[in-house]
Protein backbone atom coordinates (compact mmCIF):
# COMPACT_ATOMS: atom_id res chain seq x y z
CA MET A 1 -0.67 29.51 31.83
CA TRP A 2 2.41 29.80 34.03
CA ARG A 3 0.74 27.80 36.77
CA ARG A 4 -0.40 25.05 34.38
CA VAL A 5 3.17 24.56 32.97
CA HIS A 6 5.37 25.10 36.06
CA ARG A 7 3.32 23.39 38.89
CA PRO A 8 3.84 19.88 37.46
CA ALA A 9 7.59 20.73 36.78
CA LEU A 10 8.01 22.01 40.34
CA LEU A 11 6.50 18.82 41.69
CA LEU A 12 8.81 16.69 39.72
CA VAL A 13 11.81 18.76 40.83
CA LEU A 14 10.74 18.35 44.47
CA LEU A 15 10.36 14.64 44.02
CA ALA A 16 13.82 14.57 42.37
CA ALA A 17 15.33 16.46 45.29
CA SER A 18 13.84 13.89 47.77
CA GLY A 19 15.78 11.20 45.99
CA ALA A 20 19.13 13.08 46.16
CA GLY A 21 20.78 10.12 47.74
CA ARG A 22 20.76 8.35 44.37
CA ALA A 23 22.71 9.36 41.30
CA THR A 24 21.20 11.96 39.12
CA ASP A 25 21.63 11.85 35.26
CA TRP A 26 21.74 15.10 33.46
CA GLU A 27 22.50 16.49 30.05
CA LEU A 28 23.10 20.01 28.67
CA SER A 29 23.50 20.61 24.95
CA LEU A 30 23.63 23.60 22.53
CA ASP A 31 22.80 23.13 18.87
CA THR A 32 23.63 25.98 16.56
CA ARG A 33 22.78 26.11 12.82
CA LEU A 34 24.09 27.83 9.73
CA VAL A 35 21.04 28.00 7.42
CA SER A 36 20.45 28.58 3.72
CA SER A 37 16.77 28.46 2.69
CA ASP A 38 14.58 29.67 -0.21
CA ALA A 39 11.40 28.55 1.56
CA TYR A 40 8.31 30.51 2.44
CA PRO A 41 7.90 31.69 6.08
CA SER A 42 7.00 28.86 8.37
CA PHE A 43 3.80 28.44 10.41
CA MET A 44 5.58 30.02 13.45
CA GLN A 45 5.65 33.21 11.46
CA GLY A 46 2.18 32.94 9.94
CA GLY A 47 3.32 31.57 6.67
CA PHE A 48 2.73 28.27 4.83
CA GLY A 49 6.34 27.10 4.31
CA THR A 50 6.93 23.43 4.64
CA VAL A 51 10.36 23.56 6.44
CA ARG A 52 11.44 25.09 9.73
CA PHE A 53 13.47 28.01 8.32
CA GLY A 54 12.24 30.35 5.64
CA SER A 55 14.43 32.51 3.28
CA GLY A 56 14.31 35.26 5.89
CA ASP A 57 15.94 32.98 8.42
CA SER A 58 19.13 32.22 6.38
CA GLY A 59 22.25 32.75 8.41
CA LEU A 60 23.20 31.71 11.96
CA ARG A 61 20.34 30.35 13.99
CA LEU A 62 19.72 28.53 17.31
CA GLY A 63 18.59 24.97 16.61
CA ARG A 64 17.88 23.99 20.16
CA ALA A 65 19.26 24.52 23.67
CA ARG A 66 18.27 21.60 25.96
CA PHE A 67 18.65 20.54 29.51
CA ALA A 68 17.42 17.15 30.62
CA LEU A 69 17.29 15.61 34.10
CA SER A 70 16.61 12.03 35.27
CA GLN A 71 16.42 11.37 38.95
CA PRO A 72 15.79 7.87 40.51
CA LEU A 73 13.28 7.92 43.42
CA GLY A 74 14.06 4.72 45.16
CA GLU A 75 14.45 1.40 43.35
CA LEU A 76 11.47 1.48 41.11
CA TRP A 77 10.45 5.15 40.47
CA SER A 78 12.20 7.91 38.57
CA ALA A 79 11.46 11.51 37.54
CA HIS A 80 12.26 12.85 34.09
CA LEU A 81 12.43 16.46 32.91
CA ASP A 82 13.32 17.72 29.31
CA ALA A 83 13.48 21.51 28.86
CA SER A 84 14.34 23.36 25.66
CA VAL A 85 14.82 26.77 24.11
CA PHE A 86 13.89 27.31 20.42
CA ASP A 87 14.66 30.40 18.48
CA ASP A 88 11.50 31.90 16.98
CA GLN A 89 12.20 35.06 14.96
CA GLY A 90 13.78 37.25 17.51
CA GLY A 91 11.98 35.61 20.48
CA SER A 92 12.71 32.33 22.26
CA ALA A 93 10.11 29.70 23.16
CA VAL A 94 11.31 28.00 26.25
CA GLY A 95 9.47 25.23 28.16
CA LEU A 96 9.25 21.59 28.99
CA THR A 97 8.78 19.31 26.07
CA GLU A 98 8.39 16.34 28.43
CA ALA A 99 7.97 15.94 32.25
CA TYR A 100 6.93 12.73 33.76
CA LEU A 101 7.27 10.09 36.48
CA LEU A 102 8.27 6.52 35.55
CA PHE A 103 7.41 3.44 37.49
CA ARG A 104 9.44 0.37 36.44
CA PRO A 105 9.10 -2.69 38.76
CA TYR A 106 11.33 -5.72 38.22
CA PRO A 107 10.33 -8.16 35.59
CA PHE A 108 8.25 -11.14 36.98
CA ALA A 109 7.53 -14.52 35.42
CA GLY A 110 8.74 -13.35 32.00
CA TYR A 111 6.64 -10.13 31.98
CA ARG A 112 7.65 -6.53 32.48
CA PHE A 113 5.36 -3.56 33.41
CA ARG A 114 5.94 0.09 33.04
CA LEU A 115 3.72 3.08 34.02
CA LYS A 116 4.23 6.66 32.99
CA ALA A 117 2.42 9.77 34.53
CA GLY A 118 2.88 13.26 33.22
CA GLY A 119 3.43 14.87 29.87
CA PHE A 120 5.36 12.82 27.21
CA TYR A 121 5.12 11.59 23.56
CA PRO A 122 2.88 8.56 22.80
CA PRO A 123 4.89 5.61 21.46
CA VAL A 124 4.36 6.31 17.74
CA SER A 125 7.66 7.21 16.39
CA LEU A 126 10.26 4.67 15.16
CA GLU A 127 12.49 7.44 13.89
CA ASN A 128 12.81 9.80 16.91
CA ARG A 129 14.49 7.43 19.33
CA ALA A 130 17.48 9.61 20.60
CA ALA A 131 17.54 11.72 23.74
CA GLY A 132 15.21 14.66 23.76
CA TRP A 133 12.92 12.84 21.26
CA GLU A 134 15.39 13.79 18.47
CA SER A 135 16.24 11.68 15.39
CA PRO A 136 19.64 10.06 15.23
CA TYR A 137 19.50 10.11 11.40
CA THR A 138 18.56 13.69 10.36
CA LEU A 139 18.02 17.16 11.74
CA SER A 140 14.56 17.62 10.31
CA TYR A 141 12.03 14.95 11.30
CA SER A 142 9.71 13.18 8.85
CA ALA A 143 6.39 14.78 8.14
CA ILE A 144 4.74 12.39 10.57
CA ASN A 145 6.99 13.02 13.46
CA SER A 146 7.09 16.79 12.70
CA TRP A 147 3.42 16.89 13.21
CA LEU A 148 3.58 14.83 16.47
CA ALA A 149 6.27 17.30 17.69
CA THR A 150 4.02 20.20 16.93
CA GLU A 151 0.60 19.11 18.15
CA VAL A 152 0.52 15.73 19.95
CA ARG A 153 1.41 14.85 23.48
CA THR A 154 0.20 12.49 26.12
CA ILE A 155 -0.69 14.53 29.30
CA GLY A 156 -1.96 11.70 31.46
CA LEU A 157 -1.12 8.06 32.14
CA GLU A 158 0.41 5.32 29.97
CA GLY A 159 0.93 1.63 30.88
CA THR A 160 2.92 -0.94 29.09
CA VAL A 161 3.12 -4.72 29.53
CA ASP A 162 5.88 -6.61 27.75
CA TRP A 163 6.15 -10.37 27.32
CA LEU A 164 9.86 -10.97 27.36
CA GLY A 165 10.07 -13.99 25.04
CA SER A 166 13.79 -13.41 24.28
CA ARG A 167 14.50 -14.24 27.99
CA SER A 168 12.96 -17.62 27.75
CA GLY A 169 14.43 -19.03 24.60
CA HIS A 170 12.26 -17.30 22.07
CA ALA A 171 13.38 -15.01 19.27
CA PHE A 172 10.91 -12.19 19.98
CA ASP A 173 9.25 -9.95 22.56
CA LEU A 174 5.72 -8.69 22.44
CA GLY A 175 4.22 -5.59 24.18
CA VAL A 176 0.86 -3.80 24.51
CA THR A 177 0.50 -0.16 25.48
CA GLY A 178 -2.50 1.83 26.56
CA GLY A 179 -2.80 5.51 27.34
CA VAL A 180 -5.42 7.90 28.89
CA PHE A 181 -4.94 11.55 28.50
CA GLY A 182 -6.40 15.12 28.45
CA TRP A 183 -5.25 18.52 27.35
CA ASN A 184 -4.89 17.62 23.69
CA ASP A 185 -8.29 18.84 22.44
CA ARG A 186 -6.81 21.20 19.98
CA ALA A 187 -4.57 18.65 18.22
CA GLY A 188 -5.34 19.13 14.47
CA VAL A 189 -5.56 22.92 14.31
CA VAL A 190 -2.09 23.37 12.78
CA LEU A 191 -2.49 20.42 10.38
CA ALA A 192 -5.89 21.71 9.12
CA ASN A 193 -4.60 25.23 8.57
CA ASN A 194 -1.01 24.70 7.51
CA GLY A 195 -0.74 21.09 6.41
CA PHE A 196 2.39 18.84 6.96
CA VAL A 197 5.81 20.33 7.41
CA LEU A 198 9.32 18.95 7.95
CA THR A 199 10.69 20.62 11.17
CA ASP A 200 12.56 19.66 14.31
CA ARG A 201 10.91 22.34 16.56
CA GLN A 202 9.03 20.69 19.42
CA THR A 203 6.15 22.69 20.98
CA PRO A 204 6.62 22.92 24.70
CA LEU A 205 3.90 21.50 26.95
CA PHE A 206 1.12 24.07 27.02
CA GLY A 207 3.02 26.19 24.58
CA ARG A 208 1.71 28.13 21.60
CA VAL A 209 2.16 27.49 17.91
CA GLY A 210 2.48 30.59 15.75
CA GLN A 211 2.43 34.18 16.94
CA PRO A 212 -0.60 35.68 18.86
CA GLY A 213 -2.55 37.88 16.52
CA VAL A 214 -0.92 36.60 13.37
CA PRO A 215 -3.28 34.38 11.22
CA PRO A 216 -4.06 31.80 10.43
CA LEU A 217 -2.98 30.17 13.73
CA ASN A 218 -2.96 33.28 15.99
CA GLY A 219 -0.83 31.58 18.60
CA ALA A 220 -2.83 28.23 18.60
CA GLU A 221 -2.67 26.17 21.84
CA PRO A 222 -2.90 22.44 21.04
CA PHE A 223 -2.60 21.40 24.65
CA MET A 224 -5.97 22.51 26.00
CA GLU A 225 -8.72 20.81 27.78
CA ILE A 226 -12.18 21.98 26.70
CA ASP A 227 -14.78 19.24 26.82
CA HIS A 228 -13.56 17.38 29.86
CA ARG A 229 -13.51 14.07 28.04
CA ALA A 230 -10.45 11.84 28.30
CA GLY A 231 -8.70 10.72 25.15
CA ALA A 232 -7.17 7.29 24.63
CA TYR A 233 -4.85 5.21 22.66
CA MET A 234 -3.82 1.62 22.27
CA GLY A 235 -0.68 0.18 20.64
CA LEU A 236 1.02 -3.22 19.93
CA GLU A 237 4.76 -3.84 19.37
CA ALA A 238 6.72 -6.81 18.36
CA ARG A 239 10.57 -7.01 18.54
CA TYR A 240 12.61 -9.70 16.84
CA LEU A 241 16.16 -10.38 18.04
CA ASP A 242 16.67 -6.54 18.59
CA ARG A 243 16.84 -6.35 14.73
CA ALA A 244 13.28 -5.71 13.89
CA VAL A 245 10.61 -3.56 15.51
CA LEU A 246 6.98 -3.53 14.36
CA ARG A 247 4.68 -1.01 15.93
CA VAL A 248 0.95 -0.22 15.48
CA LEU A 249 -1.05 2.39 17.35
CA ARG A 250 -4.54 3.79 17.29
CA TYR A 251 -5.13 7.32 18.76
CA ASP A 252 -8.32 9.16 19.56
CA ASN A 253 -8.45 12.39 21.58
CA ARG A 254 -12.31 11.96 21.80
CA ALA A 255 -12.82 15.71 21.52
CA ASP A 256 -16.33 17.08 21.18
CA PRO A 257 -16.10 19.27 17.96
CA THR A 258 -19.21 21.27 18.99
CA ASP A 259 -18.16 22.27 22.45
CA LEU A 260 -17.01 25.99 22.27
CA ASP A 261 -14.72 27.02 25.08
CA SER A 262 -16.38 29.92 27.03
CA VAL A 263 -13.12 31.74 27.90
CA SER A 264 -10.90 31.37 24.68
CA HIS A 265 -13.89 30.86 22.23
CA VAL A 266 -12.09 28.11 20.37
CA LEU A 267 -13.45 24.68 19.43
CA PRO A 268 -11.93 21.30 20.18
CA TRP A 269 -10.61 19.30 17.20
CA ASP A 270 -11.83 15.72 17.21
CA THR A 271 -8.64 13.96 16.03
CA ARG A 272 -8.13 10.28 15.41
CA PHE A 273 -5.37 8.43 13.52
CA THR A 274 -3.83 5.03 13.01
CA SER A 275 -0.02 4.52 12.67
CA ALA A 276 2.01 1.50 11.59
CA GLY A 277 5.73 1.19 11.16
CA LEU A 278 8.73 -1.16 10.91
CA ARG A 279 12.36 -0.55 11.67
CA LEU A 280 14.99 -3.08 10.60
CA GLU A 281 18.64 -3.00 11.74
CA ALA A 282 21.12 -5.16 9.88
CA ASP A 283 24.82 -5.97 10.10
CA HIS A 284 27.48 -3.38 9.07
CA GLY A 285 25.51 -0.38 10.46
CA TRP A 286 22.46 -0.44 8.09
CA THR A 287 19.10 0.75 9.34
CA ALA A 288 15.78 1.01 7.40
CA ILE A 289 12.50 2.43 8.57
CA VAL A 290 9.07 2.62 6.89
CA GLN A 291 6.06 4.30 8.54
CA TRP A 292 2.51 5.14 7.71
CA LEU A 293 -0.08 7.34 9.37
CA GLU A 294 -3.69 8.17 8.43
CA GLY A 295 -6.46 9.98 10.29
CA VAL A 296 -8.98 12.71 10.28
CA THR A 297 -9.61 15.83 12.32
CA THR A 298 -13.11 17.55 12.67
CA ILE A 299 -14.69 20.65 14.03
CA ALA A 300 -18.47 21.30 13.95
CA PRO A 301 -19.21 25.02 14.45
CA GLN A 302 -22.95 25.83 14.48
CA SER A 303 -23.94 22.36 13.31
CA LEU A 304 -21.68 22.63 10.37
CA THR A 305 -19.33 19.58 10.17
CA LEU A 306 -15.91 20.27 8.65
CA ASN A 307 -13.27 17.65 8.40
CA TRP A 308 -9.73 17.23 7.18
CA ALA A 309 -8.45 13.71 6.30
CA PHE A 310 -4.65 13.40 6.39
CA GLN A 311 -2.12 10.73 5.31
CA SER A 312 1.56 10.46 5.37
CA THR A 313 4.22 7.80 4.70
CA PHE A 314 8.05 7.87 4.80
CA ALA A 315 10.81 5.53 4.09
CA LEU A 316 14.28 6.07 5.59
CA LEU A 317 17.70 4.34 4.95
CA SER A 318 20.73 4.96 7.06
CA LYS A 319 24.34 3.57 7.04
CA ARG A 320 26.99 4.07 9.74
CA PHE A 321 30.69 4.59 8.78
CA GLY A 322 32.77 4.56 11.90
CA ARG A 323 31.92 7.81 13.66
CA GLY A 324 29.64 9.06 10.86
CA ALA A 325 26.29 8.13 9.40
CA LEU A 326 24.72 8.94 6.01
CA SER A 327 20.86 8.91 5.89
CA ALA A 328 18.28 9.56 3.18
CA ARG A 329 14.52 9.80 3.62
CA TYR A 330 11.48 10.13 1.33
CA ASP A 331 8.15 11.53 2.67
CA ARG A 332 4.75 11.61 0.94
CA PHE A 333 1.93 13.55 2.55
CA ALA A 334 -1.63 14.87 1.80
CA VAL A 335 -4.54 16.63 3.44
CA GLN A 336 -7.98 16.57 1.90
CA ASN A 337 -11.20 18.15 3.30
CA ASN A 338 -14.91 18.99 2.67
CA VAL A 339 -14.32 22.71 3.22
CA ALA A 340 -15.65 25.28 0.76
CA GLU A 341 -12.95 26.26 -1.81
CA GLY A 342 -10.68 23.48 -0.40
CA TYR A 343 -9.00 25.53 2.44
CA GLY A 344 -6.32 23.43 3.96
CA GLN A 345 -5.95 20.91 1.13
CA GLN A 346 -2.33 19.96 0.47
CA ASP A 347 -0.39 17.42 -1.45
CA GLY A 348 3.43 17.00 -1.48
CA HIS A 349 6.60 14.94 -1.21
CA ALA A 350 10.05 15.58 0.13
CA TRP A 351 13.61 14.24 -0.03
CA THR A 352 15.98 14.55 2.96
CA ALA A 353 19.71 13.74 2.97
CA ALA A 354 21.94 14.11 6.02
CA TYR A 355 25.46 13.31 7.02
CA ILE A 356 26.19 13.15 10.82
CA PHE A 357 29.74 13.04 12.33
CA ASP A 358 30.50 12.44 15.95
CA ALA A 359 33.92 13.92 16.50
CA ASP A 360 33.88 12.70 20.13
CA ALA A 361 31.31 12.29 22.94
CA HIS A 362 30.81 16.08 23.14
CA TRP A 363 30.88 17.39 19.46
CA ARG A 364 28.50 16.48 16.76
CA PHE A 365 28.55 17.98 13.16
CA THR A 366 25.51 17.47 10.79
CA LEU A 367 24.98 18.65 7.23
CA GLU A 368 21.45 18.29 5.88
CA ALA A 369 19.54 19.11 2.81
CA VAL A 370 15.73 19.08 2.45
CA ARG A 371 13.84 19.68 -0.70
CA VAL A 372 9.99 19.80 -0.59
CA VAL A 373 7.61 20.05 -3.44
CA SER A 374 4.01 20.71 -2.52
CA SER A 375 0.70 22.14 -3.59
CA SER A 376 -1.36 24.15 -0.98
CA VAL A 377 -4.75 25.78 -1.35
CA SER A 378 -4.06 27.72 1.93
CA ARG A 379 -0.82 29.21 0.51
CA GLU A 380 -2.59 30.13 -2.76
CA GLU A 381 -5.47 31.91 -0.84
CA ALA A 382 -2.76 33.77 1.06
CA GLY A 383 -1.36 35.17 -2.23
CA GLY A 384 1.43 32.62 -2.79
CA PRO A 385 1.84 30.00 -5.66
CA PRO A 386 -0.31 26.94 -5.32
CA LEU A 387 2.74 24.71 -6.22
CA ALA A 388 6.07 25.45 -4.66
CA THR A 389 9.48 23.93 -4.42
CA GLU A 390 11.37 24.82 -1.28
CA THR A 391 14.92 23.88 -0.42
CA GLN A 392 16.65 24.19 3.05
CA TRP A 393 20.37 23.54 3.82
CA GLN A 394 21.62 23.28 7.40
CA LEU A 395 25.02 22.88 8.93
CA ALA A 396 24.59 22.10 12.62
CA ILE A 397 27.21 22.17 15.35
CA ARG A 398 26.15 20.57 18.59
CA TYR A 399 28.14 20.53 21.96
CA ALA A 400 26.87 18.37 24.83
CA LEU A 401 27.85 17.81 28.47
CA GLY A 402 26.39 15.41 30.94
CA SER A 403 26.85 13.00 33.78
CA THR A 404 27.02 10.11 31.29
CA ILE A 405 29.01 12.02 28.65
CA ARG A 406 32.74 11.26 28.91
């Protein structure tokens, strides 16, 4: 495991060192939280809570410690590393959430091309647009992006071609993106066992989800390659006057749900989904986002096909007031399946409200409340109530340093 995680990171560091003649951008941040929660234990503790922190986590917590590095390699190439530490019940999960090389040649004849190679997020989210794949609107991500943060990553290649219509007198730009990847054969295992959650914990590349030996996840590894078949996705994006962004993407990890791994004795999860979303930015600091995602994940042990269909939608509205921003989001999510006794079925909705205040370039203060109402067959089978209402409050204090932070 160590070699799988750190060899790509070491390669990027060496490449970055080779470009030391050009300026290096870096950022270091520490996010601490004061938490009050009445929720059930989260999936990281073997529970079926729908927020990051359960009632046993109330008090002072580490939200995230992060170090990021971007190093130009000549005129067209650059290397990017994003490393984080997350507090997990007395232990810390540390690792790279993203590590990739980026090739960006100069635009030509009204077109622009970009190529990524390494480990990074596919271009699904319209919400998580800040550094470190964070949301600039709330602490807890939407149910859609919480799932992506937990289980989905591109470990491979991605190419994007943009038609820059805005540079030739038109009001819009168009782009098409395609990705080919491996090492995501287990995407779906957390969703099928625990359902959707609202969290801001990002699983490091090749990291574990849950604690080893603690069911139902037993330290699941979503970033595995088992069947040696490449996954793929294709997306389209349209931008209008930098005020509206429309994005659609189809993802398929093309996993063979019957191919049992001979070493770990786990099955790939055949996971496919389609996502579509729209972000609008108006005058006077208003932002609105709506996004939808629907898919299915399947395993087939011993010729028995088991599938979990999942859907989630959210709507977010945000307004900036000087150095502050007030945001509200509504999430709707569900998981259905054909499994005996309905294990893994879930239905729920959530409200999130957050106020963010940037005191200066270094200090940020955030107050957030999340309230989730959900029914869960898995929680009921574990001895909990089938229907539960969970509330989480967080006060976050973040301090950041960096080459571009003044």
